[in-house]
């Protein structure tokens, strides 16, 4: 890795949640959607 490389990350969040009735990524987690929360937290690293 060169001195100018930035770290990369991948957030895996998928699958139709048949019991919940909507995709898992869009389920509420606190006051935000699960996927949005994951991306926000990863962006802090």
Protein backbone atom coordinates (compact mmCIF):
# COMPACT_ATOMS: atom_id res chain seq x y z
CA UNK A 1 0.00 0.00 0.00
CA UNK A 2 1.43 3.39 -0.94
CA UNK A 3 1.48 6.40 1.37
CA UNK A 4 -1.50 7.84 -0.53
CA UNK A 5 -3.78 4.83 -0.37
CA UNK A 6 -7.01 5.12 1.54
CA UNK A 7 -8.52 2.23 3.47
CA UNK A 8 -11.55 0.63 1.88
CA UNK A 9 -14.48 -1.15 3.41
CA UNK A 10 -17.49 -3.06 2.21
CA UNK A 11 -20.76 -3.17 4.11
CA UNK A 12 -22.59 -6.41 3.40
CA UNK A 13 -26.23 -5.94 4.13
CA UNK A 14 -28.74 -7.79 2.06
CA UNK A 15 -31.51 -10.27 1.94
CA UNK A 16 -35.26 -10.05 1.97
CA UNK A 17 -36.47 -10.44 5.51
CA UNK A 18 -39.68 -12.40 5.04
CA UNK A 19 -40.59 -12.20 8.73
CA UNK A 20 -40.03 -8.44 8.88
CA UNK A 21 -41.73 -7.71 5.55
CA UNK A 22 -38.99 -5.51 4.08
CA UNK A 23 -35.27 -5.70 3.26
CA UNK A 24 -33.02 -5.97 6.31
CA UNK A 25 -30.96 -2.96 5.23
CA UNK A 26 -33.96 -0.67 5.70
CA UNK A 27 -35.01 -1.92 9.14
CA UNK A 28 -34.95 0.69 11.89
CA UNK A 29 -32.00 0.65 14.27
CA UNK A 30 -32.40 3.32 16.90
CA UNK A 31 -33.37 6.50 15.11
CA UNK A 32 -31.95 5.54 11.70
CA UNK A 33 -32.01 2.73 9.16
CA UNK A 34 -29.61 -0.16 9.72
CA UNK A 35 -27.61 0.34 6.51
CA UNK A 36 -27.29 4.10 7.03
CA UNK A 37 -26.01 3.50 10.55
CA UNK A 38 -23.41 0.98 9.34
CA UNK A 39 -22.14 3.32 6.64
CA UNK A 40 -22.02 6.26 9.05
CA UNK A 41 -20.03 4.28 11.62
CA UNK A 42 -17.60 2.89 9.03
CA UNK A 43 -16.99 6.41 7.70
CA UNK A 44 -15.71 7.43 11.15
CA UNK A 45 -12.82 4.96 10.96
